C-alpha cells in the first residue's frame, strides 16, 4: 500500500504486464501469513471488504456476485439435474452459498487447502458466504484438491474449480493429472468449470487449460464475464463436458429452469448464459488452437 492524501491508502495489484488495479483502502482489518498464503483483509472505500492473497485480489463484497454466479449457475442450470456438486478452492464461501441456492443439490462438497482462509472469511466477510457453512448439505474438507480428486470414491454432477492463479499450492490444479482425476469423478453428462484468468493478459493459461481439458472431454469451450476488480478486461471460465448438448441448452429451457428454482440473480440470466459463450475472436482463436492439439 502507498500513501494518498492522508485520508486513505492505496493497494495496487499488477499482473507483471505493466497494468495495475488499485483499491482505496480505509483500513487494514487483518494480515497474517498462513501455511500457504500471505493473507489480508482490507476495508476499501468503494468495494467493501476485500480478500487479498499473495498481493492478489481474490474477492470484494461489491463485485463478488459476478464471479460466483457465473461459475455456479452456468454449469448447474445447463446440467439441469445436478444433485452432487464439488467445489475445489473457494475459501471465501461465496461459491458454496450460490451452489446451495439450488434446491436440487443434495450435497455440496468443498475442498479447500487452507482452513485459515475459511475461518478468516467467515469472521471478516460473512456477507459473502452467508450461512452456507452451517447448511447440512455442506461437506467442508480441508485438504489438497488435487489429492482429493485422486483418492475419493465420490462422484459428482458438477465440478467447480475456484482456485487462485497457477502458482504456489494452486499449481497442481492446472496440471493434466488433476484434469484426468476430475474426469474420473465426474458422472456421465457432468460439467467441469474453472476460472481461467484474463485471456488478454494470461493467454497461455487459457490455452494450456483448453488443451489439457480437450484431451479428456468431448466438449471444451470458455465463456466470459466482466469482474471489475480482476485486472485487465473480461475473465475467462473454462468449460468441459462429455455431453456437448449441455452447452447447447436453449434460452427458453434455461429460463424455465431458472423460474422453477426461485433463485434471484444479479448478473447471471438465461440470455446472458448463452451470450457468455460468444467470446471475442482472439479468445476463440486460442480455444480453437487448443482443440486441434
C-alpha atoms as a PDB file:
ATOM      1  CA  UNK A   1       0.000   0.000   0.000  1.00  0.00           C
ATOM      2  CA  UNK A   2       1.157   3.507  -0.743  1.00  0.00           C
ATOM      3  CA  UNK A   3       0.081   6.748   0.857  1.00  0.00           C
ATOM      4  CA  UNK A   4      -2.552   9.026  -0.663  1.00  0.00           C
ATOM      5  CA  UNK A   5      -3.820  12.322   0.743  1.00  0.00           C
ATOM      6  CA  UNK A   6      -3.856  11.303   4.405  1.00  0.00           C
ATOM      7  CA  UNK A   7      -7.471  10.113   4.385  1.00  0.00           C
ATOM      8  CA  UNK A   8      -6.886   6.712   2.794  1.00  0.00           C
ATOM      9  CA  UNK A   9      -4.159   4.466   1.496  1.00  0.00           C
ATOM     10  CA  UNK A  10      -3.968   2.585  -1.756  1.00  0.00           C
ATOM     11  CA  UNK A  11      -3.483  -1.085  -2.550  1.00  0.00           C
ATOM     12  CA  UNK A  12      -2.106  -1.824  -6.020  1.00  0.00           C
ATOM     13  CA  UNK A  13      -2.172  -5.182  -7.787  1.00  0.00           C
ATOM     14  CA  UNK A  14      -0.384  -5.853 -11.058  1.00  0.00           C
ATOM     15  CA  UNK A  15      -0.122  -8.842 -13.393  1.00  0.00           C
ATOM     16  CA  UNK A  16       3.502  -8.091 -14.339  1.00  0.00           C
ATOM     17  CA  UNK A  17       2.398  -6.711 -17.698  1.00  0.00           C
ATOM     18  CA  UNK A  18       2.525  -3.010 -16.895  1.00  0.00           C
ATOM     19  CA  UNK A  19      -1.129  -2.783 -15.886  1.00  0.00           C
ATOM     20  CA  UNK A  20      -2.261  -2.180 -12.320  1.00  0.00           C
ATOM     21  CA  UNK A  21      -5.561  -2.246 -10.465  1.00  0.00           C
ATOM     22  CA  UNK A  22      -5.771  -0.045  -7.396  1.00  0.00           C
ATOM     23  CA  UNK A  23      -8.178  -0.012  -4.466  1.00  0.00           C
ATOM     24  CA  UNK A  24      -8.505   2.804  -1.977  1.00  0.00           C
ATOM     25  CA  UNK A  25      -8.064   1.366   1.494  1.00  0.00           C
ATOM     26  CA  UNK A  26      -9.770   2.814   4.520  1.00  0.00           C
ATOM     27  CA  UNK A  27      -8.189   0.335   6.935  1.00  0.00           C
ATOM     28  CA  UNK A  28      -6.363  -2.963   7.123  1.00  0.00           C
ATOM     29  CA  UNK A  29      -8.539  -5.293   9.173  1.00  0.00           C
ATOM     30  CA  UNK A  30      -6.268  -8.322   9.189  1.00  0.00           C
ATOM     31  CA  UNK A  31      -2.904  -9.523   7.915  1.00  0.00           C
ATOM     32  CA  UNK A  32      -1.073 -12.778   8.510  1.00  0.00           C
ATOM     33  CA  UNK A  33       0.994 -15.314   6.625  1.00  0.00           C
ATOM     34  CA  UNK A  34      -0.617 -18.740   6.844  1.00  0.00           C
ATOM     35  CA  UNK A  35       0.987 -22.044   5.919  1.00  0.00           C
ATOM     36  CA  UNK A  36       0.110 -21.360   2.279  1.00  0.00           C
ATOM     37  CA  UNK A  37      -0.566 -17.674   1.625  1.00  0.00           C
ATOM     38  CA  UNK A  38       0.070 -14.120   2.728  1.00  0.00           C
ATOM     39  CA  UNK A  39      -3.475 -13.129   3.715  1.00  0.00           C
ATOM     40  CA  UNK A  40      -5.000  -9.688   4.157  1.00  0.00           C
ATOM     41  CA  UNK A  41      -8.487  -8.281   4.646  1.00  0.00           C
ATOM     42  CA  UNK A  42      -8.965  -4.629   3.727  1.00  0.00           C
ATOM     43  CA  UNK A  43     -11.877  -2.278   4.278  1.00  0.00           C
ATOM     44  CA  UNK A  44     -11.949  -0.408   0.985  1.00  0.00           C
ATOM     45  CA  UNK A  45     -13.642   2.914   0.356  1.00  0.00           C
ATOM     46  CA  UNK A  46     -15.540   1.751  -2.748  1.00  0.00           C
ATOM     47  CA  UNK A  47     -15.727  -2.070  -2.901  1.00  0.00           C
ATOM     48  CA  UNK A  48     -16.493  -3.031   0.676  1.00  0.00           C
ATOM     49  CA  UNK A  49     -14.237  -5.596   2.285  1.00  0.00           C
ATOM     50  CA  UNK A  50     -11.641  -7.295   0.114  1.00  0.00           C
ATOM     51  CA  UNK A  51      -9.743 -10.555   0.494  1.00  0.00           C
ATOM     52  CA  UNK A  52      -6.172 -10.396  -0.808  1.00  0.00           C
ATOM     53  CA  UNK A  53      -3.876 -13.409  -1.066  1.00  0.00           C
ATOM     54  CA  UNK A  54      -0.211 -13.072  -2.001  1.00  0.00           C
ATOM     55  CA  UNK A  55      -0.895  -9.477  -3.039  1.00  0.00           C
ATOM     56  CA  UNK A  56      -3.634 -10.527  -5.497  1.00  0.00           C
ATOM     57  CA  UNK A  57      -7.280  -9.517  -5.077  1.00  0.00           C
ATOM     58  CA  UNK A  58      -9.419 -12.629  -4.630  1.00  0.00           C
ATOM     59  CA  UNK A  59     -12.820 -11.128  -3.972  1.00  0.00           C
ATOM     60  CA  UNK A  60     -14.578  -7.979  -2.823  1.00  0.00           C
ATOM     61  CA  UNK A  61     -18.031  -7.503  -1.345  1.00  0.00           C
ATOM     62  CA  UNK A  62     -19.123  -5.208  -4.165  1.00  0.00           C
ATOM     63  CA  UNK A  63     -18.450  -7.383  -7.210  1.00  0.00           C
ATOM     64  CA  UNK A  64     -18.154 -10.956  -5.883  1.00  0.00           C
ATOM     65  CA  UNK A  65     -21.619 -11.814  -7.207  1.00  0.00           C
ATOM     66  CA  UNK A  66     -20.427 -11.610 -10.814  1.00  0.00           C
ATOM     67  CA  UNK A  67     -17.729 -14.237 -10.413  1.00  0.00           C
ATOM     68  CA  UNK A  68     -19.652 -16.536  -8.096  1.00  0.00           C
ATOM     69  CA  UNK A  69     -22.881 -16.505 -10.095  1.00  0.00           C
ATOM     70  CA  UNK A  70     -21.164 -17.189 -13.410  1.00  0.00           C
ATOM     71  CA  UNK A  71     -19.091 -20.082 -12.118  1.00  0.00           C
ATOM     72  CA  UNK A  72     -22.050 -21.619 -10.290  1.00  0.00           C
ATOM     73  CA  UNK A  73     -25.289 -21.054 -12.168  1.00  0.00           C
ATOM     74  CA  UNK A  74     -23.873 -21.540 -15.653  1.00  0.00           C
ATOM     75  CA  UNK A  75     -22.956 -25.223 -15.175  1.00  0.00           C
ATOM     76  CA  UNK A  76     -25.800 -26.081 -12.783  1.00  0.00           C
ATOM     77  CA  UNK A  77     -28.599 -24.629 -14.910  1.00  0.00           C
ATOM     78  CA  UNK A  78     -27.008 -26.129 -18.027  1.00  0.00           C
ATOM     79  CA  UNK A  79     -26.868 -29.545 -16.370  1.00  0.00           C
ATOM     80  CA  UNK A  80     -30.496 -29.404 -15.314  1.00  0.00           C
ATOM     81  CA  UNK A  81     -30.360 -32.105 -12.668  1.00  0.00           C
ATOM     82  CA  UNK A  82     -27.230 -31.686 -10.568  1.00  0.00           C
ATOM     83  CA  UNK A  83     -27.547 -33.217  -7.120  1.00  0.00           C
ATOM     84  CA  UNK A  84     -23.875 -33.515  -6.115  1.00  0.00           C
ATOM     85  CA  UNK A  85     -21.504 -30.598  -6.636  1.00  0.00           C
ATOM     86  CA  UNK A  86     -17.785 -30.421  -5.904  1.00  0.00           C
ATOM     87  CA  UNK A  87     -16.043 -27.096  -5.287  1.00  0.00           C
ATOM     88  CA  UNK A  88     -12.251 -27.072  -5.353  1.00  0.00           C
ATOM     89  CA  UNK A  89     -10.997 -23.991  -3.506  1.00  0.00           C
ATOM     90  CA  UNK A  90     -13.467 -21.231  -2.812  1.00  0.00           C
ATOM     91  CA  UNK A  91     -12.371 -20.492   0.738  1.00  0.00           C
ATOM     92  CA  UNK A  92     -14.443 -17.306   0.961  1.00  0.00           C
ATOM     93  CA  UNK A  93     -17.622 -19.410   0.752  1.00  0.00           C
ATOM     94  CA  UNK A  94     -19.253 -17.364  -1.991  1.00  0.00           C
ATOM     95  CA  UNK A  95     -19.313 -20.256  -4.435  1.00  0.00           C
ATOM     96  CA  UNK A  96     -20.734 -22.563  -1.799  1.00  0.00           C
ATOM     97  CA  UNK A  97     -23.528 -20.131  -1.000  1.00  0.00           C
ATOM     98  CA  UNK A  98     -24.546 -19.890  -4.669  1.00  0.00           C
ATOM     99  CA  UNK A  99     -24.469 -23.681  -5.127  1.00  0.00           C
ATOM    100  CA  UNK A 100     -26.721 -24.201  -2.123  1.00  0.00           C
ATOM    101  CA  UNK A 101     -29.354 -21.872  -3.571  1.00  0.00           C
ATOM    102  CA  UNK A 102     -30.219 -24.759  -5.892  1.00  0.00           C
ATOM    103  CA  UNK A 103     -32.768 -26.916  -4.078  1.00  0.00           C
ATOM    104  CA  UNK A 104     -31.870 -29.862  -6.306  1.00  0.00           C
ATOM    105  CA  UNK A 105     -28.392 -30.008  -4.763  1.00  0.00           C
ATOM    106  CA  UNK A 106     -28.298 -32.687  -2.079  1.00  0.00           C
ATOM    107  CA  UNK A 107     -24.592 -32.434  -1.303  1.00  0.00           C
ATOM    108  CA  UNK A 108     -22.075 -29.639  -1.808  1.00  0.00           C
ATOM    109  CA  UNK A 109     -18.526 -30.811  -1.145  1.00  0.00           C
ATOM    110  CA  UNK A 110     -15.992 -28.012  -0.755  1.00  0.00           C
ATOM    111  CA  UNK A 111     -12.306 -28.908  -0.673  1.00  0.00           C
ATOM    112  CA  UNK A 112     -10.107 -26.020   0.465  1.00  0.00           C
ATOM    113  CA  UNK A 113      -6.409 -26.413   1.186  1.00  0.00           C
ATOM    114  CA  UNK A 114      -6.204 -23.604   3.756  1.00  0.00           C
ATOM    115  CA  UNK A 115      -8.728 -23.784   6.565  1.00  0.00           C
ATOM    116  CA  UNK A 116      -7.432 -20.462   7.837  1.00  0.00           C
ATOM    117  CA  UNK A 117      -8.877 -18.736   4.766  1.00  0.00           C
ATOM    118  CA  UNK A 118     -12.304 -20.174   5.583  1.00  0.00           C
ATOM    119  CA  UNK A 119     -12.116 -19.026   9.210  1.00  0.00           C
ATOM    120  CA  UNK A 120     -10.886 -15.597   8.174  1.00  0.00           C
ATOM    121  CA  UNK A 121     -13.666 -15.020   5.658  1.00  0.00           C
ATOM    122  CA  UNK A 122     -16.379 -16.306   7.972  1.00  0.00           C
ATOM    123  CA  UNK A 123     -15.232 -13.789  10.579  1.00  0.00           C
ATOM    124  CA  UNK A 124     -14.463 -10.722   8.475  1.00  0.00           C
ATOM    125  CA  UNK A 125     -16.572 -11.109   5.289  1.00  0.00           C
ATOM    126  CA  UNK A 126     -19.659 -13.067   6.399  1.00  0.00           C
ATOM    127  CA  UNK A 127     -21.836 -11.342   3.832  1.00  0.00           C
ATOM    128  CA  UNK A 128     -20.177 -13.337   1.056  1.00  0.00           C
ATOM    129  CA  UNK A 129     -20.709 -16.822   2.495  1.00  0.00           C
ATOM    130  CA  UNK A 130     -23.928 -16.166   4.414  1.00  0.00           C
ATOM    131  CA  UNK A 131     -24.999 -19.328   6.282  1.00  0.00           C
ATOM    132  CA  UNK A 132     -23.504 -21.688   3.712  1.00  0.00           C
ATOM    133  CA  UNK A 133     -21.073 -23.359   6.099  1.00  0.00           C
ATOM    134  CA  UNK A 134     -23.922 -24.145   8.517  1.00  0.00           C
ATOM    135  CA  UNK A 135     -26.073 -25.767   5.814  1.00  0.00           C
ATOM    136  CA  UNK A 136     -26.436 -29.532   6.494  1.00  0.00           C
ATOM    137  CA  UNK A 137     -25.799 -30.230   2.802  1.00  0.00           C
ATOM    138  CA  UNK A 138     -22.288 -28.784   3.099  1.00  0.00           C
ATOM    139  CA  UNK A 139     -19.337 -31.137   3.387  1.00  0.00           C
ATOM    140  CA  UNK A 140     -16.275 -28.972   4.081  1.00  0.00           C
ATOM    141  CA  UNK A 141     -12.971 -30.796   3.649  1.00  0.00           C
ATOM    142  CA  UNK A 142      -9.673 -29.101   4.455  1.00  0.00           C
ATOM    143  CA  UNK A 143      -7.297 -30.846   2.077  1.00  0.00           C
ATOM    144  CA  UNK A 144      -5.382 -30.526  -1.165  1.00  0.00           C
ATOM    145  CA  UNK A 145      -7.849 -30.517  -4.052  1.00  0.00           C
ATOM    146  CA  UNK A 146      -5.543 -32.464  -6.325  1.00  0.00           C
ATOM    147  CA  UNK A 147      -5.134 -35.242  -3.783  1.00  0.00           C
ATOM    148  CA  UNK A 148      -8.876 -35.292  -3.104  1.00  0.00           C
ATOM    149  CA  UNK A 149      -9.946 -35.962  -6.700  1.00  0.00           C
ATOM    150  CA  UNK A 150      -7.172 -38.539  -6.981  1.00  0.00           C
ATOM    151  CA  UNK A 151      -8.302 -40.525  -3.946  1.00  0.00           C
ATOM    152  CA  UNK A 152     -12.049 -40.050  -3.490  1.00  0.00           C
ATOM    153  CA  UNK A 153     -14.696 -42.624  -4.347  1.00  0.00           C
ATOM    154  CA  UNK A 154     -17.396 -39.958  -4.530  1.00  0.00           C
ATOM    155  CA  UNK A 155     -18.952 -38.928  -7.842  1.00  0.00           C
ATOM    156  CA  UNK A 156     -20.273 -35.523  -8.894  1.00  0.00           C
ATOM    157  CA  UNK A 157     -22.548 -33.927 -11.479  1.00  0.00           C
ATOM    158  CA  UNK A 158     -20.744 -30.569 -11.499  1.00  0.00           C
ATOM    159  CA  UNK A 159     -17.174 -29.686 -10.533  1.00  0.00           C
ATOM    160  CA  UNK A 160     -16.309 -26.018  -9.936  1.00  0.00           C
ATOM    161  CA  UNK A 161     -12.611 -25.188  -9.732  1.00  0.00           C
ATOM    162  CA  UNK A 162     -12.363 -21.895  -7.854  1.00  0.00           C
ATOM    163  CA  UNK A 163      -8.614 -21.665  -7.473  1.00  0.00           C
ATOM    164  CA  UNK A 164      -6.088 -18.832  -7.417  1.00  0.00           C
ATOM    165  CA  UNK A 165      -3.759 -18.371 -10.386  1.00  0.00           C
ATOM    166  CA  UNK A 166      -1.314 -21.235 -11.147  1.00  0.00           C
ATOM    167  CA  UNK A 167       1.338 -20.525  -8.572  1.00  0.00           C
ATOM    168  CA  UNK A 168       2.233 -21.956  -5.190  1.00  0.00           C
ATOM    169  CA  UNK A 169      -0.143 -24.644  -3.897  1.00  0.00           C
ATOM    170  CA  UNK A 170      -2.607 -23.949  -6.739  1.00  0.00           C
ATOM    171  CA  UNK A 171      -0.230 -25.113  -9.493  1.00  0.00           C
ATOM    172  CA  UNK A 172      -1.389 -28.715  -9.136  1.00  0.00           C
ATOM    173  CA  UNK A 173      -4.909 -27.616 -10.093  1.00  0.00           C
ATOM    174  CA  UNK A 174      -3.705 -26.640 -13.566  1.00  0.00           C
ATOM    175  CA  UNK A 175      -1.818 -29.850 -14.360  1.00  0.00           C
ATOM    176  CA  UNK A 176      -3.013 -32.751 -16.518  1.00  0.00           C
ATOM    177  CA  UNK A 177      -3.223 -35.366 -13.724  1.00  0.00           C
ATOM    178  CA  UNK A 178      -5.728 -33.130 -11.957  1.00  0.00           C
ATOM    179  CA  UNK A 179      -7.967 -32.928 -15.030  1.00  0.00           C
ATOM    180  CA  UNK A 180      -7.712 -36.687 -15.529  1.00  0.00           C
ATOM    181  CA  UNK A 181      -8.933 -37.216 -11.980  1.00  0.00           C
ATOM    182  CA  UNK A 182     -11.719 -34.662 -12.400  1.00  0.00           C
ATOM    183  CA  UNK A 183     -12.890 -36.691 -15.382  1.00  0.00           C
ATOM    184  CA  UNK A 184     -12.749 -39.836 -13.245  1.00  0.00           C
ATOM    185  CA  UNK A 185     -15.016 -38.477 -10.507  1.00  0.00           C
ATOM    186  CA  UNK A 186     -17.458 -36.762 -12.866  1.00  0.00           C
ATOM    187  CA  UNK A 187     -20.685 -38.600 -13.614  1.00  0.00           C
ATOM    188  CA  UNK A 188     -21.753 -39.119 -17.248  1.00  0.00           C
ATOM    189  CA  UNK A 189     -23.186 -35.889 -18.605  1.00  0.00           C
ATOM    190  CA  UNK A 190     -21.437 -33.867 -15.927  1.00  0.00           C
ATOM    191  CA  UNK A 191     -19.805 -30.452 -16.323  1.00  0.00           C
ATOM    192  CA  UNK A 192     -16.459 -29.071 -15.145  1.00  0.00           C
ATOM    193  CA  UNK A 193     -15.856 -25.314 -14.983  1.00  0.00           C
ATOM    194  CA  UNK A 194     -12.893 -23.336 -13.751  1.00  0.00           C
ATOM    195  CA  UNK A 195     -11.560 -19.805 -13.584  1.00  0.00           C
ATOM    196  CA  UNK A 196      -9.016 -19.245 -16.339  1.00  0.00           C
ATOM    197  CA  UNK A 197      -7.721 -15.768 -15.749  1.00  0.00           C
ATOM    198  CA  UNK A 198      -7.751 -12.766 -18.069  1.00  0.00           C
ATOM    199  CA  UNK A 199      -7.175 -14.109 -21.595  1.00  0.00           C
ATOM    200  CA  UNK A 200      -5.919 -10.785 -22.944  1.00  0.00           C
ATOM    201  CA  UNK A 201      -3.045 -10.909 -20.460  1.00  0.00           C
ATOM    202  CA  UNK A 202      -2.876 -14.597 -19.483  1.00  0.00           C
ATOM    203  CA  UNK A 203      -3.311 -16.197 -22.891  1.00  0.00           C
ATOM    204  CA  UNK A 204      -1.004 -19.122 -22.185  1.00  0.00           C
ATOM    205  CA  UNK A 205      -3.003 -20.103 -19.097  1.00  0.00           C
ATOM    206  CA  UNK A 206      -6.232 -20.359 -21.095  1.00  0.00           C
ATOM    207  CA  UNK A 207      -4.623 -22.209 -23.990  1.00  0.00           C
ATOM    208  CA  UNK A 208      -2.993 -24.762 -21.724  1.00  0.00           C
ATOM    209  CA  UNK A 209      -6.221 -25.419 -19.833  1.00  0.00           C
ATOM    210  CA  UNK A 210      -8.214 -25.845 -23.044  1.00  0.00           C
ATOM    211  CA  UNK A 211      -5.564 -28.183 -24.452  1.00  0.00           C
ATOM    212  CA  UNK A 212      -5.448 -30.406 -21.374  1.00  0.00           C
ATOM    213  CA  UNK A 213      -9.217 -30.493 -20.940  1.00  0.00           C
ATOM    214  CA  UNK A 214      -9.622 -31.280 -24.638  1.00  0.00           C
ATOM    215  CA  UNK A 215      -7.624 -34.469 -24.218  1.00  0.00           C
ATOM    216  CA  UNK A 216     -10.149 -35.880 -21.773  1.00  0.00           C
ATOM    217  CA  UNK A 217     -13.540 -34.312 -22.567  1.00  0.00           C
ATOM    218  CA  UNK A 218     -15.651 -34.384 -25.721  1.00  0.00           C
ATOM    219  CA  UNK A 219     -16.640 -30.726 -25.487  1.00  0.00           C
ATOM    220  CA  UNK A 220     -14.417 -27.884 -24.300  1.00  0.00           C
ATOM    221  CA  UNK A 221     -15.054 -24.164 -24.518  1.00  0.00           C
ATOM    222  CA  UNK A 222     -14.819 -20.993 -22.500  1.00  0.00           C
ATOM    223  CA  UNK A 223     -17.248 -18.299 -21.542  1.00  0.00           C
ATOM    224  CA  UNK A 224     -16.584 -14.836 -20.143  1.00  0.00           C
ATOM    225  CA  UNK A 225     -17.735 -12.226 -17.638  1.00  0.00           C
ATOM    226  CA  UNK A 226     -16.628  -8.780 -16.560  1.00  0.00           C
ATOM    227  CA  UNK A 227     -15.393  -8.736 -12.945  1.00  0.00           C
ATOM    228  CA  UNK A 228     -14.211  -5.159 -12.237  1.00  0.00           C
ATOM    229  CA  UNK A 229     -11.519  -5.948  -9.679  1.00  0.00           C
ATOM    230  CA  UNK A 230      -9.838  -8.674 -11.766  1.00  0.00           C
ATOM    231  CA  UNK A 231      -7.163  -6.737 -13.573  1.00  0.00           C
ATOM    232  CA  UNK A 232      -7.168  -6.405 -17.324  1.00  0.00           C
ATOM    233  CA  UNK A 233     -10.578  -6.924 -19.017  1.00  0.00           C
ATOM    234  CA  UNK A 234     -13.035  -9.816 -19.100  1.00  0.00           C
ATOM    235  CA  UNK A 235     -12.285 -13.038 -17.232  1.00  0.00           C
ATOM    236  CA  UNK A 236     -12.455 -16.419 -18.950  1.00  0.00           C
ATOM    237  CA  UNK A 237     -14.050 -19.507 -17.456  1.00  0.00           C
ATOM    238  CA  UNK A 238     -13.106 -22.915 -18.819  1.00  0.00           C
ATOM    239  CA  UNK A 239     -15.894 -25.394 -19.632  1.00  0.00           C
ATOM    240  CA  UNK A 240     -15.621 -29.156 -20.188  1.00  0.00           C
ATOM    241  CA  UNK A 241     -18.160 -31.981 -20.514  1.00  0.00           C
ATOM    242  CA  UNK A 242     -18.562 -35.327 -22.242  1.00  0.00           C
ATOM    243  CA  UNK A 243     -22.008 -34.159 -23.394  1.00  0.00           C
ATOM    244  CA  UNK A 244     -21.950 -31.324 -25.992  1.00  0.00           C
ATOM    245  CA  UNK A 245     -25.700 -30.845 -25.516  1.00  0.00           C
ATOM    246  CA  UNK A 246     -25.100 -29.320 -22.088  1.00  0.00           C
ATOM    247  CA  UNK A 247     -23.507 -26.264 -23.691  1.00  0.00           C
ATOM    248  CA  UNK A 248     -26.303 -26.010 -26.263  1.00  0.00           C
ATOM    249  CA  UNK A 249     -29.274 -25.735 -23.880  1.00  0.00           C
ATOM    250  CA  UNK A 250     -31.663 -23.166 -25.337  1.00  0.00           C
ATOM    251  CA  UNK A 251     -32.539 -19.905 -23.601  1.00  0.00           C
ATOM    252  CA  UNK A 252     -36.157 -20.989 -23.190  1.00  0.00           C
ATOM    253  CA  UNK A 253     -35.160 -24.114 -21.259  1.00  0.00           C
ATOM    254  CA  UNK A 254     -32.700 -22.153 -19.128  1.00  0.00           C
ATOM    255  CA  UNK A 255     -35.454 -19.654 -18.368  1.00  0.00           C
ATOM    256  CA  UNK A 256     -37.831 -22.419 -17.275  1.00  0.00           C
ATOM    257  CA  UNK A 257     -35.193 -23.940 -15.031  1.00  0.00           C
ATOM    258  CA  UNK A 258     -34.357 -20.536 -13.589  1.00  0.00           C
ATOM    259  CA  UNK A 259     -38.005 -19.718 -12.870  1.00  0.00           C
ATOM    260  CA  UNK A 260     -38.562 -23.096 -11.220  1.00  0.00           C
ATOM    261  CA  UNK A 261     -35.507 -22.618  -8.994  1.00  0.00           C
ATOM    262  CA  UNK A 262     -36.775 -19.389  -7.450  1.00  0.00           C
ATOM    263  CA  UNK A 263     -33.199 -18.081  -7.380  1.00  0.00           C
ATOM    264  CA  UNK A 264     -32.762 -14.312  -7.659  1.00  0.00           C
ATOM    265  CA  UNK A 265     -29.608 -13.419  -9.590  1.00  0.00           C
ATOM    266  CA  UNK A 266     -27.871 -10.097 -10.094  1.00  0.00           C
ATOM    267  CA  UNK A 267     -25.577 -10.972 -13.019  1.00  0.00           C
ATOM    268  CA  UNK A 268     -26.419 -14.388 -14.462  1.00  0.00           C
ATOM    269  CA  UNK A 269     -29.511 -14.653 -16.635  1.00  0.00           C
ATOM    270  CA  UNK A 270     -30.667 -17.178 -19.252  1.00  0.00           C
ATOM    271  CA  UNK A 271     -29.842 -14.845 -22.141  1.00  0.00           C
ATOM    272  CA  UNK A 272     -26.502 -13.847 -20.643  1.00  0.00           C
ATOM    273  CA  UNK A 273     -25.712 -17.538 -20.114  1.00  0.00           C
ATOM    274  CA  UNK A 274     -25.925 -18.222 -23.847  1.00  0.00           C
ATOM    275  CA  UNK A 275     -24.277 -14.955 -24.807  1.00  0.00           C
ATOM    276  CA  UNK A 276     -21.301 -15.523 -22.498  1.00  0.00           C
ATOM    277  CA  UNK A 277     -20.110 -18.313 -24.805  1.00  0.00           C
ATOM    278  CA  UNK A 278     -19.929 -15.850 -27.713  1.00  0.00           C
ATOM    279  CA  UNK A 279     -16.343 -14.849 -26.986  1.00  0.00           C
ATOM    280  CA  UNK A 280     -14.141 -12.328 -28.813  1.00  0.00           C
ATOM    281  CA  UNK A 281     -12.293 -13.543 -31.892  1.00  0.00           C
ATOM    282  CA  UNK A 282      -8.898 -13.513 -30.191  1.00  0.00           C
ATOM    283  CA  UNK A 283     -10.228 -15.811 -27.460  1.00  0.00           C
ATOM    284  CA  UNK A 284     -11.949 -18.140 -29.945  1.00  0.00           C
ATOM    285  CA  UNK A 285      -8.623 -18.395 -31.795  1.00  0.00           C
ATOM    286  CA  UNK A 286      -6.941 -19.606 -28.605  1.00  0.00           C
ATOM    287  CA  UNK A 287      -9.696 -22.122 -27.929  1.00  0.00           C
ATOM    288  CA  UNK A 288      -9.723 -23.468 -31.491  1.00  0.00           C
ATOM    289  CA  UNK A 289      -5.951 -23.821 -31.452  1.00  0.00           C
ATOM    290  CA  UNK A 290      -6.177 -25.829 -28.238  1.00  0.00           C
ATOM    291  CA  UNK A 291      -8.960 -28.034 -29.637  1.00  0.00           C
ATOM    292  CA  UNK A 292      -6.785 -29.037 -32.590  1.00  0.00           C
ATOM    293  CA  UNK A 293      -3.960 -30.285 -30.402  1.00  0.00           C
END
